[in-house]
């Protein structure tokens, strides 16, 4: 089953900014929409940062894509990034992309 992709404004802006990694980002987005549970990491709460309901995918050693899967996010009551209301379960919302520290900080 293939999932549909949805992109936040933050993700779109960062995708444009990282011109040299565009093809690798597109490749990872394709892999994630094919099966978002394979090769991705479920995130949680670390200190003040709450990424419960989110997942990350590696684009490179120090580069990450942060996203939510609507069917999984709905089951996580503490998800601060759920934009899934009114959307079908098979939607992957790509939140941000960038170097590890910036991506996880959602800056």
C-alpha atoms as a PDB file:
ATOM      1  CA  UNK A   1       0.000   0.000   0.000  1.00  0.00           C
ATOM      2  CA  UNK A   2       1.387   3.381  -0.972  1.00  0.00           C
ATOM      3  CA  UNK A   3       0.804   6.387   1.236  1.00  0.00           C
ATOM      4  CA  UNK A   4       0.084   9.877  -0.041  1.00  0.00           C
ATOM      5  CA  UNK A   5       2.524  12.658   0.756  1.00  0.00           C
ATOM      6  CA  UNK A   6       1.624  16.036   2.187  1.00  0.00           C
ATOM      7  CA  UNK A   7       4.185  18.777   2.854  1.00  0.00           C
ATOM      8  CA  UNK A   8       4.285  21.613   5.359  1.00  0.00           C
ATOM      9  CA  UNK A   9       5.473  25.053   4.300  1.00  0.00           C
ATOM     10  CA  UNK A  10       8.618  24.522   6.415  1.00  0.00           C
ATOM     11  CA  UNK A  11       9.447  21.306   4.550  1.00  0.00           C
ATOM     12  CA  UNK A  12       8.937  22.937   1.144  1.00  0.00           C
ATOM     13  CA  UNK A  13      11.178  25.907   2.021  1.00  0.00           C
ATOM     14  CA  UNK A  14      13.947  23.678   3.329  1.00  0.00           C
ATOM     15  CA  UNK A  15      13.684  21.333   0.357  1.00  0.00           C
ATOM     16  CA  UNK A  16      14.307  24.291  -1.949  1.00  0.00           C
ATOM     17  CA  UNK A  17      17.180  25.534   0.243  1.00  0.00           C
ATOM     18  CA  UNK A  18      19.069  22.216   0.180  1.00  0.00           C
ATOM     19  CA  UNK A  19      19.583  22.160  -3.566  1.00  0.00           C
ATOM     20  CA  UNK A  20      22.581  19.819  -3.495  1.00  0.00           C
ATOM     21  CA  UNK A  21      20.600  17.122  -1.634  1.00  0.00           C
ATOM     22  CA  UNK A  22      17.341  17.434  -3.537  1.00  0.00           C
ATOM     23  CA  UNK A  23      17.573  14.137  -5.391  1.00  0.00           C
ATOM     24  CA  UNK A  24      18.475  12.222  -2.211  1.00  0.00           C
ATOM     25  CA  UNK A  25      15.593  13.876  -0.341  1.00  0.00           C
ATOM     26  CA  UNK A  26      13.179  12.988  -3.170  1.00  0.00           C
ATOM     27  CA  UNK A  27      14.431   9.400  -3.116  1.00  0.00           C
ATOM     28  CA  UNK A  28      13.835   9.132   0.643  1.00  0.00           C
ATOM     29  CA  UNK A  29      10.365  10.693   0.340  1.00  0.00           C
ATOM     30  CA  UNK A  30       9.538   8.020  -2.257  1.00  0.00           C
ATOM     31  CA  UNK A  31      10.784   5.274   0.070  1.00  0.00           C
ATOM     32  CA  UNK A  32       8.831   6.670   3.021  1.00  0.00           C
ATOM     33  CA  UNK A  33       5.584   6.928   1.067  1.00  0.00           C
ATOM     34  CA  UNK A  34       6.056   3.335  -0.144  1.00  0.00           C
ATOM     35  CA  UNK A  35       6.339   2.067   3.451  1.00  0.00           C
ATOM     36  CA  UNK A  36       6.852   4.649   6.212  1.00  0.00           C
ATOM     37  CA  UNK A  37       7.537   2.036   8.898  1.00  0.00           C
ATOM     38  CA  UNK A  38      10.596   0.480   7.240  1.00  0.00           C
ATOM     39  CA  UNK A  39      13.974   2.102   7.848  1.00  0.00           C
ATOM     40  CA  UNK A  40      12.577   4.942   9.929  1.00  0.00           C
ATOM     41  CA  UNK A  41      12.847   5.755  13.612  1.00  0.00           C
ATOM     42  CA  UNK A  42       9.930   6.475  15.919  1.00  0.00           C
ATOM     43  CA  UNK A  43      10.675   9.552  17.995  1.00  0.00           C
ATOM     44  CA  UNK A  44       9.641  10.442  21.519  1.00  0.00           C
ATOM     45  CA  UNK A  45      10.183  13.065  24.169  1.00  0.00           C
ATOM     46  CA  UNK A  46      13.694  14.204  25.010  1.00  0.00           C
ATOM     47  CA  UNK A  47      14.016  16.920  27.620  1.00  0.00           C
ATOM     48  CA  UNK A  48      11.826  19.850  26.608  1.00  0.00           C
ATOM     49  CA  UNK A  49      11.489  18.596  23.044  1.00  0.00           C
ATOM     50  CA  UNK A  50       8.367  16.512  22.421  1.00  0.00           C
ATOM     51  CA  UNK A  51       8.451  14.642  19.122  1.00  0.00           C
ATOM     52  CA  UNK A  52       5.960  11.953  20.138  1.00  0.00           C
ATOM     53  CA  UNK A  53       4.011  10.786  17.113  1.00  0.00           C
ATOM     54  CA  UNK A  54       6.827  11.788  14.751  1.00  0.00           C
ATOM     55  CA  UNK A  55       9.307   9.653  12.855  1.00  0.00           C
ATOM     56  CA  UNK A  56      12.627  10.419  11.218  1.00  0.00           C
ATOM     57  CA  UNK A  57      14.366   9.096   8.134  1.00  0.00           C
ATOM     58  CA  UNK A  58      18.068   9.477   7.374  1.00  0.00           C
ATOM     59  CA  UNK A  59      19.049  11.210   4.179  1.00  0.00           C
ATOM     60  CA  UNK A  60      22.733  11.145   5.094  1.00  0.00           C
ATOM     61  CA  UNK A  61      24.983  10.824   8.118  1.00  0.00           C
ATOM     62  CA  UNK A  62      23.818  14.126   9.575  1.00  0.00           C
ATOM     63  CA  UNK A  63      20.643  14.890   7.609  1.00  0.00           C
ATOM     64  CA  UNK A  64      17.088  13.951   8.591  1.00  0.00           C
ATOM     65  CA  UNK A  65      13.511  14.140   7.376  1.00  0.00           C
ATOM     66  CA  UNK A  66      10.920  14.475  10.147  1.00  0.00           C
ATOM     67  CA  UNK A  67       7.364  13.335   9.375  1.00  0.00           C
ATOM     68  CA  UNK A  68       4.141  11.962  10.840  1.00  0.00           C
ATOM     69  CA  UNK A  69       1.971   9.116   9.600  1.00  0.00           C
ATOM     70  CA  UNK A  70      -1.666  10.022  10.188  1.00  0.00           C
ATOM     71  CA  UNK A  71      -2.733   6.501  11.219  1.00  0.00           C
ATOM     72  CA  UNK A  72       0.054   6.372  13.822  1.00  0.00           C
ATOM     73  CA  UNK A  73      -0.250   9.974  14.944  1.00  0.00           C
ATOM     74  CA  UNK A  74      -3.931   9.583  15.792  1.00  0.00           C
ATOM     75  CA  UNK A  75      -3.011   6.855  18.281  1.00  0.00           C
ATOM     76  CA  UNK A  76      -0.500   9.116  20.066  1.00  0.00           C
ATOM     77  CA  UNK A  77      -2.395  11.472  22.402  1.00  0.00           C
ATOM     78  CA  UNK A  78       0.690  13.623  23.071  1.00  0.00           C
ATOM     79  CA  UNK A  79       1.487  14.340  19.410  1.00  0.00           C
ATOM     80  CA  UNK A  80       2.123  18.089  19.081  1.00  0.00           C
ATOM     81  CA  UNK A  81       2.496  17.907  15.302  1.00  0.00           C
ATOM     82  CA  UNK A  82      -0.734  16.250  14.250  1.00  0.00           C
ATOM     83  CA  UNK A  83      -2.207  17.953  11.205  1.00  0.00           C
ATOM     84  CA  UNK A  84      -4.224  14.859  10.366  1.00  0.00           C
ATOM     85  CA  UNK A  85      -7.746  15.915  11.256  1.00  0.00           C
ATOM     86  CA  UNK A  86     -10.023  15.218   8.329  1.00  0.00           C
ATOM     87  CA  UNK A  87      -7.331  13.343   6.387  1.00  0.00           C
ATOM     88  CA  UNK A  88      -7.325   9.614   5.602  1.00  0.00           C
ATOM     89  CA  UNK A  89      -5.005   7.304   7.560  1.00  0.00           C
ATOM     90  CA  UNK A  90      -2.682   6.662   4.610  1.00  0.00           C
ATOM     91  CA  UNK A  91      -1.209  10.172   4.574  1.00  0.00           C
ATOM     92  CA  UNK A  92       2.397  10.971   5.468  1.00  0.00           C
ATOM     93  CA  UNK A  93       2.929  14.608   6.430  1.00  0.00           C
ATOM     94  CA  UNK A  94       6.507  15.736   5.916  1.00  0.00           C
ATOM     95  CA  UNK A  95       7.261  18.336   8.593  1.00  0.00           C
ATOM     96  CA  UNK A  96      10.865  19.377   8.005  1.00  0.00           C
ATOM     97  CA  UNK A  97      14.190  18.354   6.516  1.00  0.00           C
ATOM     98  CA  UNK A  98      17.667  19.442   7.464  1.00  0.00           C
ATOM     99  CA  UNK A  99      20.824  18.807   9.442  1.00  0.00           C
ATOM    100  CA  UNK A 100      20.265  16.616  12.501  1.00  0.00           C
ATOM    101  CA  UNK A 101      20.221  19.346  15.162  1.00  0.00           C
ATOM    102  CA  UNK A 102      18.040  21.767  13.199  1.00  0.00           C
ATOM    103  CA  UNK A 103      15.600  19.084  12.053  1.00  0.00           C
ATOM    104  CA  UNK A 104      15.042  17.702  15.553  1.00  0.00           C
ATOM    105  CA  UNK A 105      14.724  21.195  17.029  1.00  0.00           C
ATOM    106  CA  UNK A 106      12.072  21.914  14.352  1.00  0.00           C
ATOM    107  CA  UNK A 107      13.725  25.288  13.724  1.00  0.00           C
END
